[in-house]
Amino acid sequence: QVHLVESGGGVVQPGEPLTLSCAASGFAFSSSAMNWYRQAPGKQRELLATIMTTGGYVVYLDSGKGRFTVSRDNAKNLVYLRLNNLKPEDTAVYYCNRQSSWGQGTLVTVSS
């Protein structure tokens, strides 16, 4: 059974960084592309980025390009989302995803 658990969220001030983690189990992690999504209050869930099995990644969100980076540790079955220069509009629940499986999400609040 696929199991995804996000962690690392919290309350930060604008301009600060944060690194989110997603622990994966129940499937061949090193052979799977992984995605990060987020859902802001009152908005639809949106796709942020995909990291491929090779470690290469794509950030889809225009406002995240140059600020968000994705990495993975195949030995530990972990995928990371590094959020730099956070803005209040980045406040959202951030989710790890693989195909039809989702974690519970981790809340990031950016506020002064």
Protein backbone atom coordinates (compact mmCIF):
# COMPACT_ATOMS: atom_id res chain seq x y z
CA GLN A 1 0.00 0.00 0.00
CA VAL A 2 1.35 3.37 -1.01
CA HIS A 3 1.97 5.68 1.93
CA LEU A 4 3.11 9.28 1.68
CA VAL A 5 3.80 11.46 4.71
CA GLU A 6 4.68 15.13 4.40
CA SER A 7 6.43 17.12 7.10
CA GLY A 8 8.27 20.37 7.63
CA GLY A 9 5.47 22.88 7.40
CA GLY A 10 5.07 25.72 9.85
CA VAL A 11 4.75 29.45 10.28
CA VAL A 12 7.46 31.58 8.71
CA GLN A 13 7.96 35.24 7.96
CA PRO A 14 8.06 36.61 4.43
CA GLY A 15 11.45 36.11 2.84
CA GLU A 16 12.34 33.10 4.93
CA PRO A 17 12.97 29.64 3.50
CA LEU A 18 11.44 26.30 4.38
CA THR A 19 12.13 22.73 3.35
CA LEU A 20 9.33 20.21 3.17
CA SER A 21 9.87 16.49 3.18
CA CYS A 22 7.81 13.58 1.95
CA ALA A 23 8.50 10.08 3.21
CA ALA A 24 7.33 7.40 0.80
CA SER A 25 6.71 3.71 1.23
CA GLY A 26 4.83 0.83 -0.37
CA PHE A 27 6.14 1.14 -3.92
CA ALA A 28 9.36 1.25 -5.92
CA PHE A 29 10.32 4.78 -4.98
CA SER A 30 13.49 5.02 -7.04
CA SER A 31 11.50 4.12 -10.16
CA SER A 32 8.76 6.67 -9.58
CA ALA A 33 8.41 10.28 -10.53
CA MET A 34 7.01 12.33 -7.66
CA ASN A 35 4.94 15.48 -7.62
CA TRP A 36 4.36 18.36 -5.23
CA TYR A 37 1.03 20.17 -5.14
CA ARG A 38 -0.40 22.84 -2.94
CA GLN A 39 -3.86 24.09 -2.07
CA ALA A 40 -4.36 27.59 -0.77
CA PRO A 41 -7.46 28.48 1.27
CA GLY A 42 -10.47 28.72 -0.99
CA LYS A 43 -8.54 27.70 -4.08
CA GLN A 44 -8.10 24.56 -6.12
CA ARG A 45 -5.16 22.27 -5.66
CA GLU A 46 -2.38 23.18 -8.08
CA LEU A 47 0.62 21.28 -9.40
CA LEU A 48 3.91 22.83 -8.33
CA ALA A 49 6.63 20.55 -9.55
CA THR A 50 7.65 17.08 -10.67
CA ILE A 51 10.90 15.32 -9.93
CA MET A 52 11.91 12.49 -12.20
CA THR A 53 13.67 9.29 -11.23
CA THR A 54 16.97 10.78 -12.33
CA GLY A 55 16.63 13.70 -9.94
CA GLY A 56 15.89 16.21 -12.65
CA TYR A 57 12.87 18.31 -11.91
CA VAL A 58 10.48 20.80 -13.42
CA VAL A 59 8.77 23.65 -11.59
CA TYR A 60 5.47 24.41 -13.28
CA LEU A 61 4.27 27.28 -11.13
CA ASP A 62 5.49 30.54 -12.62
CA SER A 63 5.75 32.21 -9.22
CA GLY A 64 7.82 29.28 -7.99
CA LYS A 65 10.41 29.32 -10.73
CA GLY A 66 13.69 30.49 -9.28
CA ARG A 67 12.37 30.07 -5.71
CA PHE A 68 11.33 26.41 -5.42
CA THR A 69 13.66 23.47 -5.86
CA VAL A 70 12.98 19.75 -5.64
CA SER A 71 15.31 16.95 -4.69
CA ARG A 72 15.12 13.32 -3.71
CA ASP A 73 17.06 10.74 -1.74
CA ASN A 74 16.36 7.35 -3.27
CA ALA A 75 18.28 5.57 -0.51
CA LYS A 76 15.93 7.00 2.11
CA ASN A 77 12.72 7.14 0.04
CA LEU A 78 12.46 10.86 0.62
CA VAL A 79 11.54 13.74 -1.64
CA TYR A 80 12.07 17.37 -0.67
CA LEU A 81 10.60 20.69 -1.68
CA ARG A 82 12.76 23.68 -0.83
CA LEU A 83 10.81 26.93 -0.70
CA ASN A 84 12.94 30.07 -0.81
CA ASN A 85 11.95 33.69 -0.31
CA LEU A 86 8.50 32.75 0.86
CA LYS A 87 5.62 35.15 0.30
CA PRO A 88 2.24 35.43 2.02
CA GLU A 89 0.61 34.07 -1.14
CA ASP A 90 2.57 30.84 -0.67
CA THR A 91 0.40 30.06 2.34
CA ALA A 92 -1.17 26.70 1.58
CA VAL A 93 -1.28 23.04 2.41
CA TYR A 94 1.48 21.31 0.49
CA TYR A 95 1.00 17.76 -0.73
CA CYS A 96 3.23 15.01 -2.01
CA ASN A 97 1.77 12.89 -4.79
CA ARG A 98 2.50 9.80 -6.76
CA GLN A 99 -0.07 8.81 -9.40
CA SER A 100 -3.38 8.53 -7.49
CA SER A 101 -1.84 8.53 -4.01
CA TRP A 102 -1.65 11.54 -1.74
CA GLY A 103 -0.21 12.38 1.62
CA GLN A 104 -2.14 14.21 4.31
CA GLY A 105 -0.39 17.47 3.53
CA THR A 106 1.65 19.89 5.58
CA LEU A 107 0.54 23.46 6.25
CA VAL A 108 2.82 26.37 5.39
CA THR A 109 1.80 29.76 6.70
CA VAL A 110 3.73 32.83 5.63
CA SER A 111 2.93 35.79 7.81
CA SER A 112 4.63 38.70 9.46
